[in-house]
Amino acid sequence: MRVSWRDVDDASTAGPAGNRAVVRLGPTGEDPLSSDRGVKSTTPKPLAVAGRVLVACERSGKVRDAFSALGFDAVSCDLEETATPGPHLRCDIRDVDRSGWDMVIAFPPCTFLTAAGAWRWPYTTRERNEAVRLVQYLWDWPVDRLAIENPQGWLNSHWRKPDGRFEPYWFGDAYTKRSYLWLRQLPPLMPTLLVPPAASWTEDQRHNKDRSGARSLTFGGVAHAMALQWGPLL
C-alpha cells in the first residue's frame, strides 16, 4: 500500500478508509514542551509562497504545527496517532508516496541507536540494523531538502558524520539534550535565544513511566527554529 499527501487532503470527504492511511486528530490538552519563550516576538507572518513539508516519525506534531503556522502545507507521519490535532498520516513512513514533497524532516526512532543504550548494542544487532535501514531509507528520499535528527550514538560513529547539532537551551528551553542533524541542502540550526541550561532533559525524565517517549519529544523552541530557519529556503 502506498500513501500520499492526497490522503490527508481528501480525508474530510473520503468514505471508509479502505486502503488509505487513517488520518487521526489527537486529543487536545496543553503540551508540557510548548515553548513560547522568545517566539511571539520573532515569528513572522505566514509566507506568501509556501511548500509541502513532511515530518516523518513525528507523533507530537510540534514541527508540523510550527511549519503550518507559517503557512506551509505540513503533514506529520507516525505509527501512532498524533498527540495534537493536525494533518497526520498514521502509517509506516515507508508506505508514504515519496513524490510531491518539497522538504522532509525525519525523527527516526533512536532506541537501538542512541549512545545512552550502547550497553545493549551487542544484544540487539537485528533491531539496530533495522533501525539503520530505516535511516538510510529516509536519507535516500528523492527530495532536495532533507533533515534527519538523532542523538549521539551509532549513526555518527558508524553511519556518517553529522552536519550539525543543537541543544534545547539554544532556543529558550533551559535543558541540555544534544541532538545531531544530517542535512541535505539545509544549513545547521543557529541559536536564537540562548539561556543557561538548568538540567538534563534525559535525566529529568528518568522517573517518567513513558521515559522513551518523553525523552524523544521535540521542544517547541527547536520546532520553531526549524520552521523559521529552514522554511524560507523553500
C-alpha atoms as a PDB file:
ATOM      1  CA  MET A   1       0.000   0.000   0.000  1.00  0.00           C
ATOM      2  CA  ARG A   2       1.250   3.473  -0.903  1.00  0.00           C
ATOM      3  CA  VAL A   3       0.049   6.555   0.990  1.00  0.00           C
ATOM      4  CA  SER A   4       0.370  10.071  -0.409  1.00  0.00           C
ATOM      5  CA  TRP A   5      -0.256  13.582   0.818  1.00  0.00           C
ATOM      6  CA  ARG A   6      -3.542  13.414  -1.064  1.00  0.00           C
ATOM      7  CA  ASP A   7      -4.782  11.014   1.608  1.00  0.00           C
ATOM      8  CA  VAL A   8      -4.605  13.924   4.027  1.00  0.00           C
ATOM      9  CA  ASP A   9      -6.149  16.440   1.658  1.00  0.00           C
ATOM     10  CA  ASP A  10      -9.107  14.178   0.904  1.00  0.00           C
ATOM     11  CA  ALA A  11      -9.643  12.849   4.417  1.00  0.00           C
ATOM     12  CA  SER A  12     -12.633  15.045   5.163  1.00  0.00           C
ATOM     13  CA  THR A  13     -14.535  13.896   2.099  1.00  0.00           C
ATOM     14  CA  ALA A  14     -13.387  10.308   1.720  1.00  0.00           C
ATOM     15  CA  GLY A  15     -15.623   7.421   2.627  1.00  0.00           C
ATOM     16  CA  PRO A  16     -14.425   4.353   4.508  1.00  0.00           C
ATOM     17  CA  ALA A  17     -10.673   4.273   4.893  1.00  0.00           C
ATOM     18  CA  GLY A  18     -10.200   1.220   2.728  1.00  0.00           C
ATOM     19  CA  ASN A  19      -6.596   1.221   1.587  1.00  0.00           C
ATOM     20  CA  ARG A  20      -5.998   4.800   2.729  1.00  0.00           C
ATOM     21  CA  ALA A  21      -3.908   5.701   5.727  1.00  0.00           C
ATOM     22  CA  VAL A  22      -6.072   6.631   8.693  1.00  0.00           C
ATOM     23  CA  VAL A  23      -5.863  10.369   9.338  1.00  0.00           C
ATOM     24  CA  ARG A  24      -6.277  10.983  13.048  1.00  0.00           C
ATOM     25  CA  LEU A  25      -6.667  14.029  15.214  1.00  0.00           C
ATOM     26  CA  GLY A  26      -5.109  13.562  18.612  1.00  0.00           C
ATOM     27  CA  PRO A  27      -6.520  14.605  21.990  1.00  0.00           C
ATOM     28  CA  THR A  28      -6.454  18.238  22.986  1.00  0.00           C
ATOM     29  CA  GLY A  29      -4.563  19.469  26.027  1.00  0.00           C
ATOM     30  CA  GLU A  30      -1.554  21.523  26.954  1.00  0.00           C
ATOM     31  CA  ASP A  31       1.802  20.160  25.870  1.00  0.00           C
ATOM     32  CA  PRO A  32       4.470  20.497  28.556  1.00  0.00           C
ATOM     33  CA  LEU A  33       7.033  21.195  25.842  1.00  0.00           C
ATOM     34  CA  SER A  34       5.092  24.022  24.190  1.00  0.00           C
ATOM     35  CA  SER A  35       7.775  26.679  24.437  1.00  0.00           C
ATOM     36  CA  ASP A  36       6.604  30.212  23.565  1.00  0.00           C
ATOM     37  CA  ARG A  37       9.582  31.973  25.110  1.00  0.00           C
ATOM     38  CA  GLY A  38      11.174  34.214  22.567  1.00  0.00           C
ATOM     39  CA  VAL A  39       8.832  33.043  19.816  1.00  0.00           C
ATOM     40  CA  LYS A  40       5.951  35.508  19.713  1.00  0.00           C
ATOM     41  CA  SER A  41       8.210  38.487  19.120  1.00  0.00           C
ATOM     42  CA  THR A  42      10.234  36.770  16.406  1.00  0.00           C
ATOM     43  CA  THR A  43       7.646  34.730  14.494  1.00  0.00           C
ATOM     44  CA  PRO A  44       6.994  36.339  11.076  1.00  0.00           C
ATOM     45  CA  LYS A  45       3.691  36.429   9.278  1.00  0.00           C
ATOM     46  CA  PRO A  46       2.832  33.382   7.151  1.00  0.00           C
ATOM     47  CA  LEU A  47       4.898  33.204   3.989  1.00  0.00           C
ATOM     48  CA  ALA A  48       3.255  34.239   0.754  1.00  0.00           C
ATOM     49  CA  VAL A  49       4.665  31.207  -1.083  1.00  0.00           C
ATOM     50  CA  ALA A  50       4.799  28.002   0.900  1.00  0.00           C
ATOM     51  CA  GLY A  51       5.735  24.408   0.188  1.00  0.00           C
ATOM     52  CA  ARG A  52       4.719  20.938   1.209  1.00  0.00           C
ATOM     53  CA  VAL A  53       6.609  19.592   4.227  1.00  0.00           C
ATOM     54  CA  LEU A  54       6.568  16.014   5.514  1.00  0.00           C
ATOM     55  CA  VAL A  55       7.606  15.481   9.142  1.00  0.00           C
ATOM     56  CA  ALA A  56       8.435  11.800   9.375  1.00  0.00           C
ATOM     57  CA  CYS A  57       8.243   9.748  12.571  1.00  0.00           C
ATOM     58  CA  GLU A  58       6.661  12.607  14.495  1.00  0.00           C
ATOM     59  CA  ARG A  59       3.865  11.940  16.971  1.00  0.00           C
ATOM     60  CA  SER A  60       3.932  15.223  18.913  1.00  0.00           C
ATOM     61  CA  GLY A  61       3.043  17.438  15.945  1.00  0.00           C
ATOM     62  CA  LYS A  62       5.474  20.100  17.171  1.00  0.00           C
ATOM     63  CA  VAL A  63       7.442  20.571  13.973  1.00  0.00           C
ATOM     64  CA  ARG A  64       4.389  20.069  11.769  1.00  0.00           C
ATOM     65  CA  ASP A  65       2.497  22.794  13.628  1.00  0.00           C
ATOM     66  CA  ALA A  66       5.457  25.201  13.554  1.00  0.00           C
ATOM     67  CA  PHE A  67       5.587  24.968   9.767  1.00  0.00           C
ATOM     68  CA  SER A  68       1.794  25.131   9.476  1.00  0.00           C
ATOM     69  CA  ALA A  69       1.780  28.372  11.477  1.00  0.00           C
ATOM     70  CA  LEU A  70       3.953  29.937   8.780  1.00  0.00           C
ATOM     71  CA  GLY A  71       1.595  28.899   6.013  1.00  0.00           C
ATOM     72  CA  PHE A  72       3.276  25.685   4.904  1.00  0.00           C
ATOM     73  CA  ASP A  73       1.277  22.618   3.942  1.00  0.00           C
ATOM     74  CA  ALA A  74       2.828  20.416   6.630  1.00  0.00           C
ATOM     75  CA  VAL A  75       1.905  16.827   7.426  1.00  0.00           C
ATOM     76  CA  SER A  76       3.245  14.548  10.153  1.00  0.00           C
ATOM     77  CA  CYS A  77       3.516  10.780   9.920  1.00  0.00           C
ATOM     78  CA  ASP A  78       3.922   8.131  12.606  1.00  0.00           C
ATOM     79  CA  LEU A  79       2.774   4.644  13.540  1.00  0.00           C
ATOM     80  CA  GLU A  80       0.806   6.188  16.417  1.00  0.00           C
ATOM     81  CA  GLU A  81      -1.905   8.814  16.462  1.00  0.00           C
ATOM     82  CA  THR A  82      -0.856  12.434  16.568  1.00  0.00           C
ATOM     83  CA  ALA A  83      -0.725  13.927  20.075  1.00  0.00           C
ATOM     84  CA  THR A  84      -2.146  17.258  18.864  1.00  0.00           C
ATOM     85  CA  PRO A  85      -4.828  17.957  16.241  1.00  0.00           C
ATOM     86  CA  GLY A  86      -3.474  18.447  12.745  1.00  0.00           C
ATOM     87  CA  PRO A  87      -2.802  16.790   9.371  1.00  0.00           C
ATOM     88  CA  HIS A  88      -1.354  13.375  10.175  1.00  0.00           C
ATOM     89  CA  LEU A  89      -0.737  10.094   8.374  1.00  0.00           C
ATOM     90  CA  ARG A  90      -0.940   7.168  10.756  1.00  0.00           C
ATOM     91  CA  CYS A  91       1.138   4.570   8.962  1.00  0.00           C
ATOM     92  CA  ASP A  92       4.657   3.306   8.401  1.00  0.00           C
ATOM     93  CA  ILE A  93       6.699   6.069   6.758  1.00  0.00           C
ATOM     94  CA  ARG A  94       7.797   3.516   4.154  1.00  0.00           C
ATOM     95  CA  ASP A  95       4.182   3.332   2.963  1.00  0.00           C
ATOM     96  CA  VAL A  96       4.085   7.049   2.130  1.00  0.00           C
ATOM     97  CA  ASP A  97       4.329   8.081  -1.515  1.00  0.00           C
ATOM     98  CA  ARG A  98       7.718   9.762  -1.821  1.00  0.00           C
ATOM     99  CA  SER A  99       6.641  12.182  -4.558  1.00  0.00           C
ATOM    100  CA  GLY A 100       5.058  15.593  -4.064  1.00  0.00           C
ATOM    101  CA  TRP A 101       7.124  16.845  -1.097  1.00  0.00           C
ATOM    102  CA  ASP A 102       9.381  19.908  -1.005  1.00  0.00           C
ATOM    103  CA  MET A 103      11.092  19.126   2.304  1.00  0.00           C
ATOM    104  CA  VAL A 104      11.331  16.105   4.604  1.00  0.00           C
ATOM    105  CA  ILE A 105      12.301  16.360   8.284  1.00  0.00           C
ATOM    106  CA  ALA A 106      12.674  12.984   9.966  1.00  0.00           C
ATOM    107  CA  PHE A 107      12.977  11.834  13.571  1.00  0.00           C
ATOM    108  CA  PRO A 108      13.635   8.090  13.215  1.00  0.00           C
ATOM    109  CA  PRO A 109      13.381   6.030  16.435  1.00  0.00           C
ATOM    110  CA  CYS A 110      16.649   6.065  18.383  1.00  0.00           C
ATOM    111  CA  THR A 111      16.024   3.258  20.913  1.00  0.00           C
ATOM    112  CA  PHE A 112      18.606   0.969  19.332  1.00  0.00           C
ATOM    113  CA  LEU A 113      20.861   3.758  18.037  1.00  0.00           C
ATOM    114  CA  THR A 114      21.450   6.131  20.943  1.00  0.00           C
ATOM    115  CA  ALA A 115      24.714   6.058  22.880  1.00  0.00           C
ATOM    116  CA  ALA A 116      22.631   6.012  26.060  1.00  0.00           C
ATOM    117  CA  GLY A 117      21.690   2.452  25.143  1.00  0.00           C
ATOM    118  CA  ALA A 118      25.112   1.374  23.893  1.00  0.00           C
ATOM    119  CA  TRP A 119      25.227  -1.308  26.586  1.00  0.00           C
ATOM    120  CA  ARG A 120      22.563  -3.221  24.653  1.00  0.00           C
ATOM    121  CA  TRP A 121      24.212  -2.985  21.218  1.00  0.00           C
ATOM    122  CA  PRO A 122      25.877  -6.447  21.444  1.00  0.00           C
ATOM    123  CA  TYR A 123      22.459  -7.988  22.102  1.00  0.00           C
ATOM    124  CA  THR A 124      20.319  -6.052  19.619  1.00  0.00           C
ATOM    125  CA  THR A 125      22.140  -6.373  16.317  1.00  0.00           C
ATOM    126  CA  ARG A 126      18.996  -7.263  14.382  1.00  0.00           C
ATOM    127  CA  GLU A 127      16.984  -4.350  15.822  1.00  0.00           C
ATOM    128  CA  ARG A 128      19.848  -1.916  15.316  1.00  0.00           C
ATOM    129  CA  ASN A 129      20.344  -2.977  11.698  1.00  0.00           C
ATOM    130  CA  GLU A 130      16.635  -2.479  11.048  1.00  0.00           C
ATOM    131  CA  ALA A 131      16.828   0.998  12.594  1.00  0.00           C
ATOM    132  CA  VAL A 132      19.793   1.881  10.371  1.00  0.00           C
ATOM    133  CA  ARG A 133      17.947   0.607   7.295  1.00  0.00           C
ATOM    134  CA  LEU A 134      15.081   2.970   8.111  1.00  0.00           C
ATOM    135  CA  VAL A 135      17.507   5.878   8.440  1.00  0.00           C
ATOM    136  CA  GLN A 136      19.061   5.021   5.093  1.00  0.00           C
ATOM    137  CA  TYR A 137      15.606   4.777   3.518  1.00  0.00           C
ATOM    138  CA  LEU A 138      14.837   8.276   4.775  1.00  0.00           C
ATOM    139  CA  TRP A 139      18.203   9.596   3.589  1.00  0.00           C
ATOM    140  CA  ASP A 140      17.524   8.199   0.107  1.00  0.00           C
ATOM    141  CA  TRP A 141      14.226  10.098  -0.128  1.00  0.00           C
ATOM    142  CA  PRO A 142      14.134  11.863  -3.540  1.00  0.00           C
ATOM    143  CA  VAL A 143      13.730  15.393  -2.208  1.00  0.00           C
ATOM    144  CA  ASP A 144      16.106  18.337  -2.452  1.00  0.00           C
ATOM    145  CA  ARG A 145      15.927  19.457   1.188  1.00  0.00           C
ATOM    146  CA  LEU A 146      16.051  16.875   3.925  1.00  0.00           C
ATOM    147  CA  ALA A 147      16.974  16.691   7.612  1.00  0.00           C
ATOM    148  CA  ILE A 148      17.363  13.657   9.879  1.00  0.00           C
ATOM    149  CA  GLU A 149      17.598  14.116  13.660  1.00  0.00           C
ATOM    150  CA  ASN A 150      19.025  11.650  16.174  1.00  0.00           C
ATOM    151  CA  PRO A 151      21.036  11.742  19.395  1.00  0.00           C
ATOM    152  CA  GLN A 152      24.698  10.858  19.632  1.00  0.00           C
ATOM    153  CA  GLY A 153      25.163   7.167  19.000  1.00  0.00           C
ATOM    154  CA  TRP A 154      25.547   4.581  16.292  1.00  0.00           C
ATOM    155  CA  LEU A 155      24.775   6.894  13.384  1.00  0.00           C
ATOM    156  CA  ASN A 156      27.540   9.445  13.932  1.00  0.00           C
ATOM    157  CA  SER A 157      30.110   6.759  14.769  1.00  0.00           C
ATOM    158  CA  HIS A 158      29.228   4.088  12.176  1.00  0.00           C
ATOM    159  CA  TRP A 159      26.981   5.635   9.503  1.00  0.00           C
ATOM    160  CA  ARG A 160      28.222   9.115   8.626  1.00  0.00           C
ATOM    161  CA  LYS A 161      29.386  12.261  10.351  1.00  0.00           C
ATOM    162  CA  PRO A 162      26.558  14.662  11.243  1.00  0.00           C
ATOM    163  CA  ASP A 163      26.247  18.054   9.578  1.00  0.00           C
ATOM    164  CA  GLY A 164      25.073  19.923  12.673  1.00  0.00           C
ATOM    165  CA  ARG A 165      23.960  19.676  16.273  1.00  0.00           C
ATOM    166  CA  PHE A 166      21.757  21.624  18.675  1.00  0.00           C
ATOM    167  CA  GLU A 167      20.569  21.854  22.290  1.00  0.00           C
ATOM    168  CA  PRO A 168      17.172  22.981  23.646  1.00  0.00           C
ATOM    169  CA  TYR A 169      18.807  25.792  25.636  1.00  0.00           C
ATOM    170  CA  TRP A 170      19.875  27.367  22.328  1.00  0.00           C
ATOM    171  CA  PHE A 171      16.210  28.201  21.733  1.00  0.00           C
ATOM    172  CA  GLY A 172      14.853  29.271  25.111  1.00  0.00           C
ATOM    173  CA  ASP A 173      14.321  25.937  26.890  1.00  0.00           C
ATOM    174  CA  ALA A 174      16.692  25.555  29.856  1.00  0.00           C
ATOM    175  CA  TYR A 175      17.627  21.922  29.240  1.00  0.00           C
ATOM    176  CA  THR A 176      20.519  20.030  27.734  1.00  0.00           C
ATOM    177  CA  LYS A 177      19.571  17.332  25.215  1.00  0.00           C
ATOM    178  CA  ARG A 178      22.194  17.192  22.496  1.00  0.00           C
ATOM    179  CA  SER A 179      20.850  16.143  19.138  1.00  0.00           C
ATOM    180  CA  TYR A 180      22.589  15.759  15.803  1.00  0.00           C
ATOM    181  CA  LEU A 181      21.446  16.607  12.295  1.00  0.00           C
ATOM    182  CA  TRP A 182      22.198  15.006   8.949  1.00  0.00           C
ATOM    183  CA  LEU A 183      21.332  17.581   6.328  1.00  0.00           C
ATOM    184  CA  ARG A 184      20.871  17.897   2.582  1.00  0.00           C
ATOM    185  CA  GLN A 185      20.673  21.422   1.166  1.00  0.00           C
ATOM    186  CA  LEU A 186      19.762  22.772   4.607  1.00  0.00           C
ATOM    187  CA  PRO A 187      22.039  24.724   6.969  1.00  0.00           C
ATOM    188  CA  PRO A 188      22.708  23.729  10.589  1.00  0.00           C
ATOM    189  CA  LEU A 189      20.373  25.335  13.108  1.00  0.00           C
ATOM    190  CA  MET A 190      21.705  28.514  14.695  1.00  0.00           C
ATOM    191  CA  PRO A 191      20.895  29.577  18.295  1.00  0.00           C
ATOM    192  CA  THR A 192      18.163  32.195  18.587  1.00  0.00           C
ATOM    193  CA  LEU A 193      17.572  32.521  22.343  1.00  0.00           C
ATOM    194  CA  LEU A 194      20.433  31.227  24.481  1.00  0.00           C
ATOM    195  CA  VAL A 195      19.546  30.573  28.118  1.00  0.00           C
ATOM    196  CA  PRO A 196      21.625  28.935  30.868  1.00  0.00           C
ATOM    197  CA  PRO A 197      20.838  25.193  30.989  1.00  0.00           C
ATOM    198  CA  ALA A 198      19.365  24.194  34.324  1.00  0.00           C
ATOM    199  CA  ALA A 199      19.109  20.433  33.920  1.00  0.00           C
ATOM    200  CA  SER A 200      19.492  17.474  31.599  1.00  0.00           C
ATOM    201  CA  TRP A 201      16.174  16.599  29.971  1.00  0.00           C
ATOM    202  CA  THR A 202      17.169  12.933  29.772  1.00  0.00           C
ATOM    203  CA  GLU A 203      17.958  12.776  33.479  1.00  0.00           C
ATOM    204  CA  ASP A 204      14.910  14.842  34.355  1.00  0.00           C
ATOM    205  CA  GLN A 205      12.675  12.219  32.738  1.00  0.00           C
ATOM    206  CA  ARG A 206      14.269   9.139  34.283  1.00  0.00           C
ATOM    207  CA  HIS A 207      11.257   8.542  36.566  1.00  0.00           C
ATOM    208  CA  ASN A 208       8.700   9.149  33.837  1.00  0.00           C
ATOM    209  CA  LYS A 209       6.720   5.980  33.052  1.00  0.00           C
ATOM    210  CA  ASP A 210       6.996   6.894  29.357  1.00  0.00           C
ATOM    211  CA  ARG A 211      10.702   7.726  29.523  1.00  0.00           C
ATOM    212  CA  SER A 212      11.373   6.764  25.928  1.00  0.00           C
ATOM    213  CA  GLY A 213       8.538   8.867  24.566  1.00  0.00           C
ATOM    214  CA  ALA A 214       9.263  11.850  26.785  1.00  0.00           C
ATOM    215  CA  ARG A 215      12.974  11.862  26.014  1.00  0.00           C
ATOM    216  CA  SER A 216      12.342  11.825  22.280  1.00  0.00           C
ATOM    217  CA  LEU A 217       9.887  14.747  22.205  1.00  0.00           C
ATOM    218  CA  THR A 218      10.937  17.853  20.302  1.00  0.00           C
ATOM    219  CA  PHE A 219      10.957  21.108  22.244  1.00  0.00           C
ATOM    220  CA  GLY A 220       8.771  23.929  20.970  1.00  0.00           C
ATOM    221  CA  GLY A 221      11.732  26.283  20.630  1.00  0.00           C
ATOM    222  CA  VAL A 222      13.560  23.789  18.413  1.00  0.00           C
ATOM    223  CA  ALA A 223      10.467  23.247  16.260  1.00  0.00           C
ATOM    224  CA  HIS A 224      10.024  26.993  15.740  1.00  0.00           C
ATOM    225  CA  ALA A 225      13.714  27.344  14.848  1.00  0.00           C
ATOM    226  CA  MET A 226      13.388  24.666  12.164  1.00  0.00           C
ATOM    227  CA  ALA A 227      10.399  26.421  10.631  1.00  0.00           C
ATOM    228  CA  LEU A 228      11.898  29.910  10.853  1.00  0.00           C
ATOM    229  CA  GLN A 229      15.337  28.993   9.568  1.00  0.00           C
ATOM    230  CA  TRP A 230      14.527  26.304   7.005  1.00  0.00           C
ATOM    231  CA  GLY A 231      11.095  27.369   5.812  1.00  0.00           C
ATOM    232  CA  PRO A 232      12.242  30.441   3.863  1.00  0.00           C
ATOM    233  CA  LEU A 233      14.575  28.225   1.802  1.00  0.00           C
ATOM    234  CA  LEU A 234      11.652  26.598   0.007  1.00  0.00           C
END
